[in-house]
């Protein structure tokens, strides 16, 4: 059970001191005669027993191997016939061959040498190629290369191509920022995902590197917590997966013959607030109005007007979702507003009042030149003493910008609404044209009542222009919201998701919005053509 420690080997056996024979087979005490049947014979018996077991195990292993591979060269060398020669593999092999036992029953004769054409690969576990060789310290182990494994003819191995370690990594890393909303490892992982997404869209490595760093940087600067950062990155990844490949909109094909098929029906447009009837002008009798920014009821326009210009978004704080303003990050109800203006402003949706400011008209049925099949437009408005008036109009088509003109409002300007209109000075409006002149310019451009007008949420633009028009393609209706009316996706979201472009990053630009709406329609047609 336990190995002998030999602590009593220095003490004479008690039977030896009394001149008696020790009856113990394996005595733990000292005996003068170590070759008798007493305890001195124990080490020798144990050694012989262990040697016999090893030899029998070796013999049985050779028998099993010879049955598996009868043609293999198998030579039995008992352990007792070997002599250890240190640090010399050749001497070890020579010594083993010299001590070969004659007429050994396990000795298998070496088969005759085969010709080169008759050689077959040896699939034996004890082949010469797999026999271990003792190495010295001066002979280090050579690393196995891919070519060695591929050229090995004993057994087939599928080897994956290894990446060259000296090859420079094309995947970029963001600049470290200790004030970033997320850790550097998370930021780096997001950049790598963006990089792969841009590569799949057809961009080369340099473009993918620049775009991935730019996208991650914009998200990092626009978020203030790790949770918001992660959700923004996930939204961007989903948008990239659904974005069109590079170059699909670099050429705006002539889709004039297909665009009329996308025009909405009159009933569908009426559901979204479009007007097709002549409006009788009238002014509300009650002078009390409601501020469009702060919600205050007022008669006198004089302020101050304190309000939040941002929208609400839900943020999870302490396990609870709360509504927070995007403009200042304040919770709902914490403060009256983060922005202050001098005047209260209002915006009437009452169509008779809008008709009292400027009457509704329809476009001409003919034009001096060639009639345009379609065009896209966008309007900018500002607050005046008469409400929310048109101050800028942009019209585009596949060839470029057709009209980019300031419109002079009838009322006195109270707020330019610069954050959303992009207009920075009132002097810009003084050089504008009146609305009757605007209608004449549209006629000269070939825009008639048969021309299809493209836009996003364009019912507001048509009300601002006081136009009654039935041929419309509204991208807010074309790209339906999953929850149905009155919910709609923003133009910024649709452009980012389907076109992979960022718009309205600073302020609104009417030409940018008009082109984005037109490109969304062209993308829709190209997508339908590819499916067909």
Protein backbone atom coordinates (compact mmCIF):
# COMPACT_ATOMS: atom_id res chain seq x y z
CA UNK A 1 0.00 0.00 0.00
CA UNK A 2 2.74 2.46 1.07
CA UNK A 3 6.32 2.67 -0.17
CA UNK A 4 8.98 1.69 2.45
CA UNK A 5 10.90 4.61 3.91
CA UNK A 6 13.71 2.53 5.48
CA UNK A 7 13.80 4.29 8.85
CA UNK A 8 14.38 0.95 10.69
CA UNK A 9 17.08 -0.35 8.33
CA UNK A 10 19.80 0.96 10.66
CA UNK A 11 18.46 -1.04 13.63
CA UNK A 12 19.34 -4.73 13.97
CA UNK A 13 16.45 -7.13 13.92
CA UNK A 14 15.41 -8.30 17.47
CA UNK A 15 15.51 -11.95 16.32
CA UNK A 16 19.07 -11.44 15.06
CA UNK A 17 20.17 -10.18 18.49
CA UNK A 18 18.74 -13.38 20.06
CA UNK A 19 20.42 -15.62 17.43
CA UNK A 20 17.01 -16.62 16.06
CA UNK A 21 15.66 -16.81 12.54
CA UNK A 22 13.38 -13.90 11.60
CA UNK A 23 9.95 -15.31 10.63
CA UNK A 24 8.93 -12.18 8.68
CA UNK A 25 9.04 -12.41 4.90
CA UNK A 26 9.65 -8.68 4.49
CA UNK A 27 11.30 -7.47 7.68
CA UNK A 28 11.70 -3.77 8.24
CA UNK A 29 14.81 -4.16 10.40
CA UNK A 30 18.46 -4.60 9.47
CA UNK A 31 19.77 -8.08 8.59
CA UNK A 32 23.40 -8.92 7.89
CA UNK A 33 22.42 -11.35 5.13
CA UNK A 34 20.38 -9.40 2.64
CA UNK A 35 20.01 -12.31 0.22
CA UNK A 36 18.01 -14.65 2.44
CA UNK A 37 14.25 -14.90 2.67
CA UNK A 38 14.06 -12.13 5.21
CA UNK A 39 13.30 -8.47 4.74
CA UNK A 40 16.56 -7.83 2.86
CA UNK A 41 15.21 -9.58 -0.22
CA UNK A 42 12.21 -7.22 -0.57
CA UNK A 43 13.78 -4.62 -2.86
CA UNK A 44 15.09 -7.28 -5.21
CA UNK A 45 11.76 -9.11 -5.41
CA UNK A 46 9.91 -5.83 -6.03
CA UNK A 47 12.31 -4.84 -8.79
CA UNK A 48 12.04 -8.21 -10.53
CA UNK A 49 8.26 -8.15 -10.26
CA UNK A 50 7.97 -4.68 -11.79
CA UNK A 51 10.37 -5.61 -14.59
CA UNK A 52 8.30 -8.66 -15.44
CA UNK A 53 5.12 -6.62 -15.62
CA UNK A 54 6.69 -4.07 -17.95
CA UNK A 55 8.05 -6.77 -20.25
CA UNK A 56 4.66 -8.51 -20.45
CA UNK A 57 2.91 -5.24 -21.23
CA UNK A 58 5.46 -4.46 -23.94
CA UNK A 59 4.99 -7.89 -25.49
CA UNK A 60 1.20 -7.61 -25.54
CA UNK A 61 1.43 -4.17 -27.20
CA UNK A 62 3.68 -5.50 -29.95
CA UNK A 63 1.31 -8.41 -30.57
CA UNK A 64 -1.64 -6.06 -31.02
CA UNK A 65 0.35 -3.81 -33.38
CA UNK A 66 1.55 -6.75 -35.48
CA UNK A 67 -2.05 -7.89 -35.92
CA UNK A 68 -3.08 -4.42 -37.14
CA UNK A 69 -0.15 -3.91 -39.52
CA UNK A 70 1.50 -7.29 -40.35
CA UNK A 71 3.90 -5.76 -42.89
CA UNK A 72 5.39 -3.28 -40.46
CA UNK A 73 8.93 -3.73 -39.22
CA UNK A 74 8.47 -4.51 -35.52
CA UNK A 75 11.38 -5.44 -33.31
CA UNK A 76 11.03 -6.51 -29.69
CA UNK A 77 13.77 -5.28 -27.39
CA UNK A 78 13.29 -6.15 -23.72
CA UNK A 79 13.94 -3.33 -21.30
CA UNK A 80 16.60 -5.39 -19.54
CA UNK A 81 18.70 -5.46 -22.72
CA UNK A 82 18.93 -1.68 -23.06
CA UNK A 83 21.61 0.61 -21.83
CA UNK A 84 21.01 4.32 -21.38
CA UNK A 85 23.43 6.50 -23.31
CA UNK A 86 22.97 10.13 -22.44
CA UNK A 87 22.82 12.95 -24.98
CA UNK A 88 23.46 10.79 -28.05
CA UNK A 89 20.43 9.56 -30.04
CA UNK A 90 22.61 7.67 -32.56
CA UNK A 91 24.38 5.77 -29.80
CA UNK A 92 21.03 4.85 -28.26
CA UNK A 93 19.78 3.33 -31.52
CA UNK A 94 23.09 1.48 -32.11
CA UNK A 95 23.07 0.07 -28.60
CA UNK A 96 19.51 -1.20 -28.99
CA UNK A 97 20.33 -2.99 -32.25
CA UNK A 98 23.47 -4.54 -30.78
CA UNK A 99 21.56 -6.04 -27.85
CA UNK A 100 18.96 -7.72 -30.01
CA UNK A 101 17.97 -11.11 -28.60
CA UNK A 102 18.48 -13.97 -31.11
CA UNK A 103 15.56 -16.22 -31.99
CA UNK A 104 13.15 -13.86 -30.29
CA UNK A 105 9.58 -15.12 -30.87
CA UNK A 106 8.31 -11.56 -31.36
CA UNK A 107 10.94 -10.63 -33.95
CA UNK A 108 9.27 -9.86 -37.29
CA UNK A 109 11.38 -10.22 -40.40
CA UNK A 110 11.97 -7.06 -42.37
CA UNK A 111 10.11 -7.16 -45.71
CA UNK A 112 11.96 -6.85 -48.95
CA UNK A 113 12.60 -3.37 -50.27
CA UNK A 114 10.02 -2.15 -52.75
CA UNK A 115 10.70 -0.22 -55.88
CA UNK A 116 9.89 3.46 -55.94
CA UNK A 117 6.73 2.81 -57.95
CA UNK A 118 5.50 0.27 -55.38
CA UNK A 119 6.03 2.39 -52.30
CA UNK A 120 2.89 3.06 -50.30
CA UNK A 121 2.38 5.52 -47.49
CA UNK A 122 2.57 3.93 -44.10
CA UNK A 123 -0.47 4.66 -41.92
CA UNK A 124 0.90 3.05 -38.79
CA UNK A 125 1.05 4.79 -35.41
CA UNK A 126 4.62 3.47 -34.95
CA UNK A 127 5.97 4.54 -38.32
CA UNK A 128 9.48 5.95 -38.54
CA UNK A 129 8.10 9.48 -39.06
CA UNK A 130 6.14 9.35 -35.80
CA UNK A 131 8.82 7.61 -33.65
CA UNK A 132 10.02 10.07 -30.99
CA UNK A 133 13.65 11.10 -31.14
CA UNK A 134 15.48 12.33 -28.11
CA UNK A 135 16.84 15.85 -28.60
CA UNK A 136 19.68 17.55 -26.86
CA UNK A 137 19.68 21.09 -25.58
CA UNK A 138 21.89 22.16 -28.46
CA UNK A 139 19.26 20.88 -30.93
CA UNK A 140 16.12 23.02 -30.48
CA UNK A 141 12.74 21.91 -31.74
CA UNK A 142 12.00 23.25 -35.22
CA UNK A 143 8.53 24.79 -35.53
CA UNK A 144 6.13 23.04 -37.84
CA UNK A 145 5.19 25.15 -40.84
CA UNK A 146 2.14 24.99 -43.09
CA UNK A 147 4.22 23.58 -45.94
CA UNK A 148 5.49 20.74 -43.75
CA UNK A 149 1.97 19.76 -42.81
CA UNK A 150 0.66 20.03 -46.37
CA UNK A 151 3.54 17.92 -47.78
CA UNK A 152 3.13 15.19 -45.14
CA UNK A 153 2.21 12.03 -47.05
CA UNK A 154 1.36 9.82 -44.07
CA UNK A 155 -2.05 11.33 -43.33
CA UNK A 156 -4.12 14.12 -44.93
CA UNK A 157 -4.75 17.24 -42.85
CA UNK A 158 -6.81 20.25 -43.86
CA UNK A 159 -4.92 23.37 -42.94
CA UNK A 160 -6.43 26.84 -42.74
CA UNK A 161 -4.51 29.71 -44.26
CA UNK A 162 -2.83 31.68 -41.53
CA UNK A 163 -2.91 35.45 -41.44
CA UNK A 164 0.49 36.97 -41.98
CA UNK A 165 1.35 38.66 -38.71
CA UNK A 166 3.49 41.31 -40.38
CA UNK A 167 0.59 42.44 -42.58
CA UNK A 168 -0.68 45.86 -41.42
CA UNK A 169 -4.22 45.85 -40.03
CA UNK A 170 -6.63 47.86 -42.16
CA UNK A 171 -9.30 48.00 -39.45
CA UNK A 172 -9.05 51.40 -37.73
CA UNK A 173 -9.12 52.23 -34.05
CA UNK A 174 -10.78 55.31 -32.57
CA UNK A 175 -8.80 57.98 -30.79
CA UNK A 176 -8.76 57.37 -27.05
CA UNK A 177 -10.91 59.81 -25.09
CA UNK A 178 -11.21 59.61 -21.31
CA UNK A 179 -14.47 61.61 -21.43
CA UNK A 180 -16.17 59.30 -23.94
CA UNK A 181 -19.55 57.87 -22.89
CA UNK A 182 -18.29 54.30 -23.43
CA UNK A 183 -15.05 52.45 -22.80
CA UNK A 184 -12.35 52.32 -25.44
CA UNK A 185 -12.75 48.56 -26.01
CA UNK A 186 -16.46 48.96 -26.74
CA UNK A 187 -15.76 51.90 -29.06
CA UNK A 188 -13.12 49.90 -30.91
CA UNK A 189 -15.51 46.98 -31.33
CA UNK A 190 -18.20 49.28 -32.75
CA UNK A 191 -15.70 50.77 -35.22
CA UNK A 192 -14.77 47.27 -36.39
CA UNK A 193 -18.44 46.40 -36.95
CA UNK A 194 -18.98 49.65 -38.88
CA UNK A 195 -15.88 48.90 -40.95
CA UNK A 196 -17.17 45.44 -41.94
CA UNK A 197 -20.59 46.89 -42.79
CA UNK A 198 -19.10 49.51 -45.13
CA UNK A 199 -16.96 46.85 -46.80
CA UNK A 200 -20.10 44.82 -47.54
CA UNK A 201 -21.69 47.90 -49.11
CA UNK A 202 -18.90 48.06 -51.69
CA UNK A 203 -16.54 50.64 -50.20
CA UNK A 204 -12.82 50.00 -50.29
CA UNK A 205 -10.70 49.71 -47.15
CA UNK A 206 -9.69 53.38 -47.07
CA UNK A 207 -13.26 54.65 -47.51
CA UNK A 208 -14.55 52.12 -44.98
CA UNK A 209 -11.93 53.24 -42.49
CA UNK A 210 -12.82 56.91 -42.85
CA UNK A 211 -16.57 56.33 -42.73
CA UNK A 212 -16.43 53.97 -39.74
CA UNK A 213 -14.34 56.43 -37.72
CA UNK A 214 -16.62 59.30 -38.72
CA UNK A 215 -19.79 57.41 -37.76
CA UNK A 216 -18.42 56.32 -34.40
CA UNK A 217 -17.15 59.81 -33.62
CA UNK A 218 -20.51 61.42 -34.40
CA UNK A 219 -22.32 58.92 -32.16
CA UNK A 220 -19.76 59.40 -29.41
CA UNK A 221 -20.17 63.18 -29.47
CA UNK A 222 -23.97 63.08 -29.58
CA UNK A 223 -24.47 60.70 -26.62
CA UNK A 224 -23.79 61.14 -22.92
CA UNK A 225 -24.16 57.62 -21.49
CA UNK A 226 -23.05 54.11 -22.31
CA UNK A 227 -26.63 52.91 -22.76
CA UNK A 228 -27.52 55.62 -25.27
CA UNK A 229 -24.20 55.08 -27.06
CA UNK A 230 -24.84 51.33 -27.42
CA UNK A 231 -28.40 51.80 -28.66
CA UNK A 232 -27.28 54.43 -31.18
CA UNK A 233 -24.58 52.12 -32.49
CA UNK A 234 -27.06 49.25 -32.83
CA UNK A 235 -29.46 51.48 -34.75
CA UNK A 236 -26.65 52.54 -37.08
CA UNK A 237 -25.61 48.93 -37.66
CA UNK A 238 -29.17 47.99 -38.61
CA UNK A 239 -29.36 51.00 -40.92
CA UNK A 240 -26.13 50.00 -42.67
CA UNK A 241 -27.40 46.46 -43.20
CA UNK A 242 -30.47 47.85 -44.97
CA UNK A 243 -28.61 50.56 -46.89
CA UNK A 244 -28.24 50.28 -50.67
CA UNK A 245 -24.85 49.33 -52.10
CA UNK A 246 -22.44 52.05 -53.08
CA UNK A 247 -23.22 53.76 -56.37
CA UNK A 248 -26.89 52.80 -56.63
CA UNK A 249 -27.90 56.49 -56.57
CA UNK A 250 -24.75 58.04 -58.01
CA UNK A 251 -26.49 57.93 -61.35
CA UNK A 252 -30.10 59.12 -61.31
CA UNK A 253 -31.65 57.15 -64.10
CA UNK A 254 -34.56 58.48 -66.09
CA UNK A 255 -37.54 56.99 -64.26
CA UNK A 256 -40.11 59.36 -65.71
CA UNK A 257 -42.18 56.51 -67.09
CA UNK A 258 -42.42 54.71 -63.73
CA UNK A 259 -42.93 57.61 -61.33
CA UNK A 260 -46.62 58.20 -62.28
CA UNK A 261 -47.39 54.67 -61.08
CA UNK A 262 -46.39 55.67 -57.53
CA UNK A 263 -48.71 58.68 -57.30
CA UNK A 264 -51.16 58.40 -54.41
CA UNK A 265 -54.90 58.33 -54.82
CA UNK A 266 -57.06 61.27 -53.82
CA UNK A 267 -58.70 59.33 -50.99
CA UNK A 268 -55.33 58.32 -49.58
CA UNK A 269 -54.08 61.90 -49.62
CA UNK A 270 -57.20 63.22 -47.90
CA UNK A 271 -56.55 60.79 -45.07
CA UNK A 272 -53.23 62.54 -44.46
CA UNK A 273 -54.62 66.09 -44.42
CA UNK A 274 -54.38 67.15 -48.08
CA UNK A 275 -56.92 69.68 -49.34
CA UNK A 276 -58.58 69.54 -52.78
CA UNK A 277 -61.48 71.96 -52.27
CA UNK A 278 -61.74 75.70 -52.64
CA UNK A 279 -61.56 77.35 -49.22
CA UNK A 280 -63.72 80.31 -48.24
CA UNK A 281 -61.57 82.79 -46.28
CA UNK A 282 -62.57 83.68 -42.71
CA UNK A 283 -60.89 85.06 -39.59
CA UNK A 284 -61.53 83.57 -36.12
CA UNK A 285 -63.60 85.87 -33.92
CA UNK A 286 -61.71 84.97 -30.76
CA UNK A 287 -58.42 86.91 -30.57
CA UNK A 288 -57.03 84.47 -27.97
CA UNK A 289 -54.24 82.39 -29.41
CA UNK A 290 -51.95 79.64 -28.14
CA UNK A 291 -48.17 79.93 -28.38
CA UNK A 292 -46.75 77.27 -30.68
CA UNK A 293 -43.56 77.01 -28.59
CA UNK A 294 -44.40 77.36 -24.88
CA UNK A 295 -48.15 76.67 -25.02
CA UNK A 296 -49.14 79.92 -23.29
CA UNK A 297 -52.55 81.43 -24.07
CA UNK A 298 -52.05 85.04 -25.14
CA UNK A 299 -53.61 88.04 -26.82
CA UNK A 300 -50.55 90.27 -26.74
CA UNK A 301 -47.57 88.87 -28.63
CA UNK A 302 -45.06 90.34 -26.17
CA UNK A 303 -43.19 87.67 -24.19
CA UNK A 304 -40.98 86.44 -22.74
CA UNK A 305 -41.48 83.02 -24.30
CA UNK A 306 -39.57 80.22 -22.51
CA UNK A 307 -39.64 76.82 -24.14
CA UNK A 308 -37.76 73.62 -25.03
CA UNK A 309 -37.00 73.40 -28.74
CA UNK A 310 -36.07 69.70 -28.53
CA UNK A 311 -38.31 66.67 -28.50
CA UNK A 312 -38.88 64.04 -25.86
CA UNK A 313 -37.03 60.76 -25.71
CA UNK A 314 -37.25 58.02 -23.11
CA UNK A 315 -34.18 57.27 -20.99
CA UNK A 316 -33.86 54.52 -18.40
CA UNK A 317 -32.68 55.87 -15.04
CA UNK A 318 -32.56 53.63 -11.98
CA UNK A 319 -34.72 50.97 -13.61
CA UNK A 320 -37.40 53.52 -14.56
CA UNK A 321 -38.03 55.07 -17.97
CA UNK A 322 -38.40 58.83 -17.86
CA UNK A 323 -39.04 61.43 -20.57
CA UNK A 324 -36.07 63.71 -21.22
CA UNK A 325 -35.69 66.66 -23.62
CA UNK A 326 -33.17 66.22 -26.42
CA UNK A 327 -32.23 69.91 -26.34
CA UNK A 328 -30.99 70.18 -22.74
CA UNK A 329 -31.34 66.75 -21.13
CA UNK A 330 -33.84 68.01 -18.51
CA UNK A 331 -36.61 65.77 -17.29
CA UNK A 332 -40.21 66.54 -18.11
CA UNK A 333 -41.58 69.17 -15.72
CA UNK A 334 -38.21 70.16 -14.19
CA UNK A 335 -38.06 73.62 -15.79
CA UNK A 336 -40.27 75.85 -17.88
CA UNK A 337 -37.76 75.97 -20.72
CA UNK A 338 -34.11 76.16 -21.70
CA UNK A 339 -34.58 78.82 -24.43
CA UNK A 340 -36.10 82.28 -24.15
CA UNK A 341 -37.51 84.48 -26.94
CA UNK A 342 -38.94 87.98 -27.00
CA UNK A 343 -42.33 87.18 -28.59
CA UNK A 344 -44.97 84.50 -28.45
CA UNK A 345 -45.76 82.92 -31.81
CA UNK A 346 -48.70 80.98 -33.21
CA UNK A 347 -49.49 78.68 -36.08
CA UNK A 348 -53.04 78.23 -37.31
CA UNK A 349 -54.04 74.94 -38.93
CA UNK A 350 -57.49 76.41 -39.64
CA UNK A 351 -57.73 76.44 -43.46
CA UNK A 352 -60.21 79.39 -43.73
CA UNK A 353 -57.77 81.54 -41.76
CA UNK A 354 -54.89 80.49 -44.03
CA UNK A 355 -57.03 81.40 -47.05
CA UNK A 356 -57.69 84.82 -45.51
CA UNK A 357 -53.93 85.51 -45.44
CA UNK A 358 -53.31 84.17 -48.98
CA UNK A 359 -55.93 82.45 -51.18
CA UNK A 360 -55.58 78.84 -52.37
CA UNK A 361 -54.85 78.40 -56.09
CA UNK A 362 -54.24 75.59 -58.59
CA UNK A 363 -51.36 75.41 -61.02
CA UNK A 364 -51.84 76.20 -64.69
CA UNK A 365 -52.86 73.43 -67.08
CA UNK A 366 -50.33 74.49 -69.73
CA UNK A 367 -46.86 75.98 -69.86
CA UNK A 368 -44.76 77.81 -72.47
CA UNK A 369 -42.20 75.02 -72.78
CA UNK A 370 -42.01 71.27 -72.21
CA UNK A 371 -44.11 70.00 -69.36
CA UNK A 372 -42.15 68.31 -66.58
CA UNK A 373 -43.20 64.83 -65.54
CA UNK A 374 -42.07 65.26 -61.94
CA UNK A 375 -40.15 67.50 -59.58
CA UNK A 376 -39.33 67.58 -55.86
CA UNK A 377 -39.71 70.60 -53.60
CA UNK A 378 -39.26 71.72 -50.02
CA UNK A 379 -40.29 74.87 -48.18
CA UNK A 380 -38.94 76.81 -45.20
CA UNK A 381 -41.24 78.82 -42.95
CA UNK A 382 -40.88 81.36 -40.17
CA UNK A 383 -43.16 82.96 -37.56
CA UNK A 384 -44.77 86.31 -38.39
CA UNK A 385 -47.61 88.36 -37.00
CA UNK A 386 -49.92 86.47 -39.39
CA UNK A 387 -48.82 83.01 -38.29
CA UNK A 388 -46.45 80.53 -39.93
CA UNK A 389 -45.57 81.87 -43.41
CA UNK A 390 -43.55 80.63 -46.37
CA UNK A 391 -40.16 82.37 -46.72
CA UNK A 392 -38.10 80.03 -48.96
CA UNK A 393 -38.82 77.55 -51.77
CA UNK A 394 -36.53 75.03 -53.49
CA UNK A 395 -37.50 72.95 -56.54
CA UNK A 396 -35.23 70.19 -57.95
CA UNK A 397 -35.32 67.34 -60.45
CA UNK A 398 -32.80 64.73 -61.65
CA UNK A 399 -30.84 67.43 -63.50
CA UNK A 400 -30.31 69.62 -60.43
CA UNK A 401 -31.81 72.67 -58.72
CA UNK A 402 -34.52 74.37 -60.77
CA UNK A 403 -35.57 77.09 -58.32
CA UNK A 404 -34.00 78.33 -55.09
CA UNK A 405 -35.84 81.50 -54.13
CA UNK A 406 -36.70 83.55 -51.01
CA UNK A 407 -40.38 84.41 -50.62
CA UNK A 408 -41.36 87.69 -49.02
CA UNK A 409 -43.90 87.14 -46.18
CA UNK A 410 -46.92 89.40 -45.70
CA UNK A 411 -46.68 89.70 -41.94
CA UNK A 412 -43.94 91.16 -39.75
CA UNK A 413 -41.28 88.61 -38.86
CA UNK A 414 -41.28 87.61 -35.17
CA UNK A 415 -38.85 84.69 -35.32
CA UNK A 416 -36.76 83.39 -38.21
CA UNK A 417 -36.83 79.87 -36.74
CA UNK A 418 -33.17 79.61 -37.77
CA UNK A 419 -32.57 76.24 -36.14
CA UNK A 420 -35.04 74.63 -38.55
CA UNK A 421 -35.26 77.06 -41.48
CA UNK A 422 -31.58 77.86 -41.92
CA UNK A 423 -32.39 81.56 -42.48
CA UNK A 424 -30.07 83.77 -40.44
CA UNK A 425 -31.01 87.35 -41.41
CA UNK A 426 -34.22 89.26 -42.07
CA UNK A 427 -32.49 91.15 -44.88
CA UNK A 428 -32.49 87.92 -46.90
CA UNK A 429 -36.28 88.06 -46.99
CA UNK A 430 -36.40 91.65 -48.23
CA UNK A 431 -35.05 90.55 -51.62
CA UNK A 432 -37.65 87.78 -51.91
CA UNK A 433 -40.48 87.54 -54.41
CA UNK A 434 -44.22 87.51 -53.75
CA UNK A 435 -46.34 84.39 -54.02
CA UNK A 436 -48.03 85.38 -57.36
CA UNK A 437 -44.56 85.76 -58.89
CA UNK A 438 -43.67 82.36 -57.46
CA UNK A 439 -46.61 80.75 -59.31
CA UNK A 440 -45.47 82.34 -62.57
CA UNK A 441 -41.91 81.01 -62.11
CA UNK A 442 -43.27 77.50 -61.57
CA UNK A 443 -45.21 77.78 -64.84
CA UNK A 444 -42.08 78.88 -66.70
CA UNK A 445 -40.24 75.83 -65.36
CA UNK A 446 -42.85 73.54 -66.93
CA UNK A 447 -44.53 72.62 -63.63
CA UNK A 448 -48.27 72.26 -64.24
CA UNK A 449 -51.22 70.60 -62.53
CA UNK A 450 -50.21 67.33 -64.26
CA UNK A 451 -46.66 67.40 -62.88
CA UNK A 452 -46.05 64.95 -60.05
CA UNK A 453 -44.71 66.78 -57.01
CA UNK A 454 -42.45 64.77 -54.69
CA UNK A 455 -41.76 65.65 -51.07
CA UNK A 456 -41.84 64.46 -47.48
CA UNK A 457 -44.93 65.42 -45.52
CA UNK A 458 -45.65 67.69 -48.42
CA UNK A 459 -49.19 68.59 -47.29
CA UNK A 460 -47.58 71.19 -45.02
CA UNK A 461 -45.59 72.61 -47.94
CA UNK A 462 -48.67 72.79 -50.15
CA UNK A 463 -50.61 74.59 -47.41
CA UNK A 464 -47.71 77.05 -47.05
CA UNK A 465 -47.71 77.61 -50.83
CA UNK A 466 -51.55 77.73 -50.87
CA UNK A 467 -51.59 75.13 -53.65
CA UNK A 468 -54.34 72.65 -54.52
CA UNK A 469 -52.58 69.75 -56.26
CA UNK A 470 -53.62 66.11 -56.76
CA UNK A 471 -50.52 64.56 -58.38
CA UNK A 472 -48.35 63.90 -55.34
CA UNK A 473 -45.83 61.32 -54.12
CA UNK A 474 -45.26 61.70 -50.38
CA UNK A 475 -42.31 59.68 -49.06
CA UNK A 476 -43.92 59.71 -45.60
CA UNK A 477 -46.81 57.74 -47.14
CA UNK A 478 -44.67 55.69 -49.55
CA UNK A 479 -42.48 54.39 -46.71
CA UNK A 480 -45.30 53.45 -44.36
CA UNK A 481 -44.83 53.50 -40.62
CA UNK A 482 -45.36 50.12 -38.98
CA UNK A 483 -48.01 51.62 -36.66
CA UNK A 484 -49.96 53.22 -39.49
CA UNK A 485 -51.50 56.75 -39.64
CA UNK A 486 -50.93 59.27 -38.20
CA UNK A 487 -47.43 57.98 -37.40
CA UNK A 488 -44.73 58.59 -39.98
CA UNK A 489 -40.97 58.23 -40.26
CA UNK A 490 -38.86 61.36 -40.45
CA UNK A 491 -37.01 62.24 -43.64
CA UNK A 492 -33.72 62.13 -41.75
CA UNK A 493 -34.40 58.59 -40.58
CA UNK A 494 -35.46 57.32 -44.01
CA UNK A 495 -32.46 58.89 -45.73
CA UNK A 496 -30.07 57.39 -43.21
CA UNK A 497 -31.69 53.96 -43.29
CA UNK A 498 -32.21 53.45 -47.01
CA UNK A 499 -29.69 55.78 -48.65
CA UNK A 500 -26.96 55.63 -46.01
CA UNK A 501 -26.62 59.44 -45.98
CA UNK A 502 -26.71 61.93 -43.14
CA UNK A 503 -28.88 65.02 -43.59
CA UNK A 504 -29.99 67.82 -41.26
CA UNK A 505 -26.84 67.47 -39.19
CA UNK A 506 -26.73 71.20 -38.36
CA UNK A 507 -29.77 73.06 -39.72
CA UNK A 508 -32.39 72.25 -42.31
CA UNK A 509 -31.56 73.01 -45.93
CA UNK A 510 -34.48 72.96 -48.32
CA UNK A 511 -32.41 71.79 -51.31
CA UNK A 512 -30.97 68.93 -49.24
CA UNK A 513 -34.41 67.79 -48.11
CA UNK A 514 -35.88 68.01 -51.62
CA UNK A 515 -33.05 65.96 -53.15
CA UNK A 516 -33.34 63.38 -50.36
CA UNK A 517 -37.07 62.93 -51.02
CA UNK A 518 -36.47 62.53 -54.76
CA UNK A 519 -33.67 60.00 -54.18
CA UNK A 520 -35.95 57.97 -51.91
CA UNK A 521 -38.49 57.67 -54.72
CA UNK A 522 -35.78 56.71 -57.23
CA UNK A 523 -34.41 54.16 -54.78
CA UNK A 524 -37.91 52.69 -54.36
CA UNK A 525 -38.25 52.26 -58.13
CA UNK A 526 -34.78 50.74 -58.51
CA UNK A 527 -35.52 48.35 -55.66
CA UNK A 528 -38.75 47.25 -57.31
CA UNK A 529 -36.95 46.76 -60.64
CA UNK A 530 -34.25 44.62 -59.02
CA UNK A 531 -36.90 42.43 -57.37
CA UNK A 532 -38.75 42.03 -60.66
